[in-house]
Amino acid sequence: MDGTVVDCRVKGNFRLKGIRSTNPVAVGDHVKFDVRSDGTAYIVEILERKNYIVRKASNLSKQSHILAANLDRCFLIVTINHPATATTFIDRFLAAAEAYRVPVTLVFNKTDLYNEAENEELEYLTALYSSIGYQCLHTSTTDGKGIEDLKDAMTGKVSLLAGNSGVGKSSLVNAIAPEIAARVGEISKTHDTGMHTTTYTEMFEFMPGSYIVDTPGVKGFGTFDMETEEISHYFVEFFELSKDCRYSNCTHTHEPGCAVLEALEKGELAPSRYQSYLSMLEDKDEGKYRAAE
């Protein structure tokens, strides 16, 4: 890598096997390309990905859109209020990330705005997701809380920032790397959408060897490439509990001897997580894709 930028095209018949995607080449991909005698360059091969993460393609219910590939970590930005991020959305995102082998850190943002009840919700959700094994950070760009912790967690990594629109993702980018935020703002003005600060995914280097992949606001996650019987595998605590289920093909909905239902009855499993799981089971027809808002 010598830092040279090469503008490449993708051949019309270039597709990835097994993935119904609107963008066969994604941000973060490592590729091989050929430069023709006229100077035109064509991507001829996508090297094997260590992971990737997808969302539903806009207006194309049968296709996915690959947000990014070869990620070291995804930082999901969520808010207790202003606006409220639904736990259904959080759980769907986490399940999708587990399916595609992307580690996730939850970043609870705008902590300076929360009242007493919202702070109690913040502590509850932090305890819940921490107990499952997800790192949780608390941040505020207003008072600077957690910004250095977030920056440290991103150092030396290819990090994707994702979240619903309005959760303060762009403000966090500005706090971490103002020069990148300025570039994102200029790009947004060029596209003149007026909808989101970020209108498409792009990767920026904010420190040597440290990259931010900035994404548009995401509204929901479907169950792409997941079979019904696999969904519980992507709920980490369900997968552990299921080893004690009476039946190996237990769906955790009605079967006798189900360890997941037993844990739910005993209060050892968060009801919100179980409801998210049920919503994803119902979602296989892709008709109920959008997360609750």
Protein backbone atom coordinates (compact mmCIF):
# COMPACT_ATOMS: atom_id res chain seq x y z
CA MET A 1 0.00 0.00 0.00
CA ASP A 2 1.62 3.22 -1.16
CA GLY A 3 -1.35 5.55 -0.65
CA THR A 4 -2.16 5.86 -4.34
CA VAL A 5 -5.85 6.42 -5.08
CA VAL A 6 -7.19 4.53 -8.09
CA ASP A 7 -10.71 5.13 -9.42
CA CYS A 8 -12.16 1.73 -10.31
CA ARG A 9 -15.28 0.53 -12.05
CA VAL A 10 -17.19 -2.65 -11.43
CA LYS A 11 -18.06 -4.81 -14.41
CA GLY A 12 -21.79 -5.17 -14.97
CA ASN A 13 -21.70 -8.95 -14.62
CA PHE A 14 -19.69 -8.89 -11.39
CA ARG A 15 -21.70 -10.41 -8.57
CA LEU A 16 -21.03 -12.13 -5.26
CA LYS A 17 -22.30 -15.68 -5.06
CA GLY A 18 -25.03 -16.28 -2.52
CA ILE A 19 -25.62 -12.64 -1.58
CA ARG A 20 -28.57 -10.72 -2.98
CA SER A 21 -27.04 -7.29 -2.60
CA THR A 22 -27.40 -3.89 -4.21
CA ASN A 23 -23.66 -3.29 -3.82
CA PRO A 24 -21.40 -6.26 -4.51
CA VAL A 25 -18.38 -4.14 -3.57
CA ALA A 26 -18.59 -2.53 -0.14
CA VAL A 27 -16.62 -0.05 1.94
CA GLY A 28 -13.77 -1.94 3.60
CA ASP A 29 -13.44 -4.58 0.90
CA HIS A 30 -9.98 -5.68 -0.20
CA VAL A 31 -9.97 -6.13 -3.96
CA LYS A 32 -7.80 -6.92 -6.94
CA PHE A 33 -8.04 -4.66 -9.97
CA ASP A 34 -6.62 -4.35 -13.47
CA VAL A 35 -5.58 -1.11 -15.09
CA ARG A 36 -6.23 -1.06 -18.85
CA SER A 37 -3.99 0.58 -21.40
CA ASP A 38 -6.35 3.57 -21.55
CA GLY A 39 -5.95 4.08 -17.80
CA THR A 40 -9.38 2.71 -16.90
CA ALA A 41 -9.31 0.39 -13.89
CA TYR A 42 -11.71 -2.50 -13.25
CA ILE A 43 -12.22 -4.49 -10.06
CA VAL A 44 -11.75 -8.15 -10.99
CA GLU A 45 -11.90 -9.89 -7.62
CA ILE A 46 -13.07 -9.28 -4.07
CA LEU A 47 -10.79 -10.96 -1.57
CA GLU A 48 -12.34 -13.10 1.16
CA ARG A 49 -14.04 -11.05 3.85
CA LYS A 50 -13.44 -11.75 7.54
CA ASN A 51 -16.91 -10.29 8.20
CA TYR A 52 -19.47 -7.82 6.93
CA ILE A 53 -22.75 -6.33 8.07
CA VAL A 54 -25.89 -5.68 6.05
CA ARG A 55 -29.16 -3.80 6.25
CA LYS A 56 -32.30 -3.93 4.16
CA ALA A 57 -31.96 -2.18 0.84
CA SER A 58 -34.21 0.84 0.36
CA ASN A 59 -37.32 -0.02 -1.68
CA LEU A 60 -35.96 -3.48 -2.53
CA SER A 61 -37.52 -5.94 -0.11
CA LYS A 62 -35.70 -8.94 -1.58
CA GLN A 63 -32.23 -7.44 -1.43
CA SER A 64 -29.72 -6.36 1.16
CA HIS A 65 -27.23 -3.53 1.25
CA ILE A 66 -23.78 -4.28 2.65
CA LEU A 67 -22.88 -1.44 5.00
CA ALA A 68 -19.21 -2.36 5.32
CA ALA A 69 -16.77 -5.28 5.34
CA ASN A 70 -13.63 -6.34 7.22
CA LEU A 71 -14.56 -4.52 10.41
CA ASP A 72 -12.68 -4.78 13.70
CA ARG A 73 -15.62 -3.44 15.70
CA CYS A 74 -19.00 -1.79 15.29
CA PHE A 75 -20.08 0.97 17.65
CA LEU A 76 -23.86 1.11 17.83
CA ILE A 77 -24.93 4.58 18.96
CA VAL A 78 -28.17 4.51 20.95
CA THR A 79 -30.11 6.99 23.10
CA ILE A 80 -32.52 6.50 26.00
CA ASN A 81 -34.40 9.59 24.81
CA HIS A 82 -34.05 12.48 22.34
CA PRO A 83 -34.92 10.20 20.48
CA ALA A 84 -35.53 6.88 22.24
CA THR A 85 -33.87 3.87 20.62
CA ALA A 86 -36.12 0.80 20.78
CA THR A 87 -34.60 -2.28 22.40
CA THR A 88 -36.04 -4.21 19.46
CA PHE A 89 -33.73 -2.28 17.15
CA ILE A 90 -30.73 -2.82 19.43
CA ASP A 91 -31.36 -6.56 19.63
CA ARG A 92 -31.90 -6.94 15.90
CA PHE A 93 -28.66 -5.11 15.21
CA LEU A 94 -26.76 -7.25 17.73
CA ALA A 95 -28.20 -10.44 16.23
CA ALA A 96 -27.22 -9.33 12.72
CA ALA A 97 -23.72 -8.47 13.93
CA GLU A 98 -23.39 -11.88 15.61
CA ALA A 99 -24.51 -13.57 12.40
CA TYR A 100 -21.82 -11.80 10.39
CA ARG A 101 -19.13 -12.07 13.11
CA VAL A 102 -18.82 -8.35 13.85
CA PRO A 103 -18.00 -7.45 17.50
CA VAL A 104 -20.23 -4.67 18.86
CA THR A 105 -19.85 -1.99 21.52
CA LEU A 106 -23.00 -0.18 22.63
CA VAL A 107 -22.55 3.58 22.99
CA PHE A 108 -25.29 5.24 25.04
CA ASN A 109 -25.12 8.86 23.91
CA LYS A 110 -26.63 12.19 25.07
CA THR A 111 -26.30 11.20 28.73
CA ASP A 112 -26.34 14.87 29.77
CA LEU A 113 -30.02 15.13 28.75
CA TYR A 114 -31.50 12.32 30.85
CA ASN A 115 -33.81 12.81 33.82
CA GLU A 116 -33.88 10.49 36.83
CA ALA A 117 -36.15 7.88 35.24
CA GLU A 118 -34.09 7.88 32.04
CA ASN A 119 -30.88 7.48 34.01
CA GLU A 120 -32.43 4.44 35.73
CA GLU A 121 -33.25 3.01 32.29
CA LEU A 122 -29.68 3.75 31.21
CA GLU A 123 -28.27 1.83 34.17
CA TYR A 124 -30.69 -1.07 33.63
CA LEU A 125 -29.83 -1.47 29.93
CA THR A 126 -26.12 -1.07 30.64
CA ALA A 127 -26.31 -3.85 33.24
CA LEU A 128 -28.40 -6.02 30.89
CA TYR A 129 -26.13 -5.82 27.87
CA SER A 130 -22.95 -5.93 29.93
CA SER A 131 -24.15 -9.17 31.54
CA ILE A 132 -24.60 -10.69 28.08
CA GLY A 133 -21.04 -9.72 27.19
CA TYR A 134 -21.37 -6.47 25.24
CA GLN A 135 -19.11 -3.55 26.13
CA CYS A 136 -21.16 -0.44 27.00
CA LEU A 137 -19.95 3.17 26.95
CA HIS A 138 -21.72 6.34 28.10
CA THR A 139 -21.03 9.50 26.10
CA SER A 140 -22.04 13.13 25.79
CA THR A 141 -20.60 15.62 23.33
CA THR A 142 -21.98 18.44 25.47
CA ASP A 143 -19.89 17.76 28.57
CA GLY A 144 -17.28 15.49 26.96
CA LYS A 145 -18.21 12.44 29.02
CA GLY A 146 -16.81 9.19 27.60
CA ILE A 147 -15.36 10.76 24.45
CA GLU A 148 -11.77 9.76 25.28
CA ASP A 149 -12.92 6.25 26.21
CA LEU A 150 -14.65 5.95 22.85
CA LYS A 151 -11.63 7.29 21.00
CA ASP A 152 -9.36 4.85 22.83
CA ALA A 153 -11.67 1.95 21.95
CA MET A 154 -11.43 2.92 18.26
CA THR A 155 -7.67 3.39 18.15
CA GLY A 156 -5.90 1.01 15.80
CA LYS A 157 -9.17 -0.40 14.46
CA VAL A 158 -11.51 -0.23 11.49
CA SER A 159 -14.64 0.93 13.32
CA LEU A 160 -18.15 1.26 11.96
CA LEU A 161 -20.46 3.81 13.57
CA ALA A 162 -24.14 2.99 13.21
CA GLY A 163 -27.45 3.98 14.75
CA ASN A 164 -30.84 5.51 14.15
CA SER A 165 -31.01 9.03 12.75
CA GLY A 166 -30.84 11.67 15.46
CA VAL A 167 -28.79 9.77 18.05
CA GLY A 168 -25.83 12.14 17.67
CA LYS A 169 -23.54 10.01 15.55
CA SER A 170 -22.23 12.95 13.55
CA SER A 171 -21.62 14.94 16.74
CA LEU A 172 -19.56 12.05 18.09
CA VAL A 173 -17.52 11.95 14.90
CA ASN A 174 -16.99 15.69 15.26
CA ALA A 175 -15.80 15.25 18.85
CA ILE A 176 -13.40 12.45 17.90
CA ALA A 177 -12.14 13.80 14.60
CA PRO A 178 -13.35 17.30 13.59
CA GLU A 179 -11.54 17.15 10.25
CA ILE A 180 -13.60 14.10 9.25
CA ALA A 181 -16.87 15.69 10.37
CA ALA A 182 -16.11 18.69 8.17
CA ARG A 183 -15.57 16.43 5.15
CA VAL A 184 -18.80 14.52 5.85
CA GLY A 185 -20.67 17.83 6.07
CA GLU A 186 -19.29 19.00 2.73
CA ILE A 187 -20.25 15.70 1.10
CA SER A 188 -23.75 16.02 2.51
CA LYS A 189 -24.09 19.54 1.08
CA THR A 190 -22.99 18.28 -2.30
CA HIS A 191 -25.73 15.66 -2.32
CA ASP A 192 -28.20 18.20 -0.85
CA THR A 193 -30.51 15.60 0.65
CA GLY A 194 -31.59 17.60 3.67
CA MET A 195 -32.52 14.30 5.33
CA HIS A 196 -29.47 12.98 7.17
CA THR A 197 -26.05 14.42 7.88
CA THR A 198 -24.59 11.23 6.40
CA THR A 199 -26.11 10.08 3.14
CA TYR A 200 -23.90 7.15 2.22
CA THR A 201 -21.16 5.05 3.75
CA GLU A 202 -17.54 6.18 3.58
CA MET A 203 -14.31 5.30 5.39
CA PHE A 204 -11.98 7.92 6.87
CA GLU A 205 -8.59 7.59 8.55
CA PHE A 206 -8.63 9.71 11.72
CA MET A 207 -5.32 8.52 13.18
CA PRO A 208 -2.57 6.37 11.67
CA GLY A 209 -4.04 2.87 11.37
CA SER A 210 -7.40 4.00 12.80
CA TYR A 211 -10.44 4.25 10.55
CA ILE A 212 -14.03 5.38 10.98
CA VAL A 213 -16.70 3.96 8.69
CA ASP A 214 -19.55 6.47 8.86
CA THR A 215 -23.01 5.24 7.83
CA PRO A 216 -26.42 6.77 7.18
CA GLY A 217 -29.05 6.53 9.93
CA VAL A 218 -30.40 2.98 9.92
CA LYS A 219 -34.06 2.28 10.61
CA GLY A 220 -34.11 -1.49 11.00
CA PHE A 221 -32.56 -4.86 10.43
CA GLY A 222 -34.17 -7.89 8.84
CA THR A 223 -33.22 -11.54 9.08
CA PHE A 224 -31.11 -11.86 5.95
CA ASP A 225 -29.33 -15.18 5.43
CA MET A 226 -30.82 -16.52 8.68
CA GLU A 227 -32.86 -19.68 8.90
CA THR A 228 -35.59 -19.69 11.56
CA GLU A 229 -33.78 -22.29 13.62
CA GLU A 230 -30.59 -20.21 13.54
CA ILE A 231 -31.98 -16.96 14.95
CA SER A 232 -31.61 -18.02 18.59
CA HIS A 233 -27.92 -18.73 17.91
CA TYR A 234 -27.38 -15.00 17.47
CA PHE A 235 -28.86 -14.14 20.86
CA VAL A 236 -25.78 -14.94 22.92
CA GLU A 237 -27.52 -15.85 26.19
CA PHE A 238 -30.15 -17.96 24.35
CA PHE A 239 -27.41 -19.97 22.68
CA GLU A 240 -25.82 -20.76 26.05
CA LEU A 241 -29.14 -21.68 27.65
CA SER A 242 -30.25 -23.83 24.71
CA LYS A 243 -27.58 -26.40 25.52
CA ASP A 244 -29.88 -27.50 28.37
CA CYS A 245 -33.08 -27.68 26.28
CA ARG A 246 -34.71 -31.11 26.09
CA TYR A 247 -34.88 -30.97 22.30
CA SER A 248 -31.95 -30.06 20.08
CA ASN A 249 -34.25 -28.30 17.58
CA CYS A 250 -36.10 -26.32 20.28
CA THR A 251 -37.60 -23.06 19.00
CA HIS A 252 -37.92 -21.68 22.57
CA THR A 253 -41.57 -20.83 22.02
CA HIS A 254 -43.66 -23.71 23.40
CA GLU A 255 -41.59 -26.87 23.86
CA PRO A 256 -41.53 -28.72 27.20
CA GLY A 257 -38.13 -28.78 28.85
CA CYS A 258 -37.05 -25.50 27.20
CA ALA A 259 -34.24 -23.92 29.20
CA VAL A 260 -34.85 -20.51 27.61
CA LEU A 261 -38.52 -20.40 28.64
CA GLU A 262 -37.57 -21.64 32.10
CA ALA A 263 -35.02 -18.83 32.47
CA LEU A 264 -37.65 -16.34 31.29
CA GLU A 265 -40.15 -17.57 33.90
CA LYS A 266 -37.51 -17.32 36.64
CA GLY A 267 -36.64 -13.75 35.69
CA GLU A 268 -33.15 -14.78 34.58
CA LEU A 269 -33.75 -13.66 30.99
CA ALA A 270 -34.74 -10.12 30.01
CA PRO A 271 -38.32 -10.02 28.63
CA SER A 272 -37.27 -7.36 26.11
CA ARG A 273 -34.67 -9.74 24.65
CA TYR A 274 -37.23 -12.51 24.36
CA GLN A 275 -39.75 -10.20 22.66
CA SER A 276 -37.07 -9.16 20.17
CA TYR A 277 -36.37 -12.82 19.45
CA LEU A 278 -40.08 -13.50 18.83
CA SER A 279 -40.30 -10.48 16.52
CA MET A 280 -37.44 -11.85 14.44
CA LEU A 281 -39.12 -15.26 14.21
CA GLU A 282 -42.24 -13.51 12.89
CA ASP A 283 -40.08 -11.48 10.53
CA LYS A 284 -39.02 -14.30 8.23
CA ASP A 285 -41.56 -13.23 5.62
CA GLU A 286 -39.69 -9.88 5.52
CA GLY A 287 -43.02 -8.13 5.93
CA LYS A 288 -42.35 -6.85 9.45
CA TYR A 289 -38.83 -5.73 8.89
CA ARG A 290 -38.83 -2.30 10.45
CA ALA A 291 -37.87 -1.99 14.08
CA ALA A 292 -40.36 -0.45 16.46
CA GLU A 293 -39.82 3.27 16.74
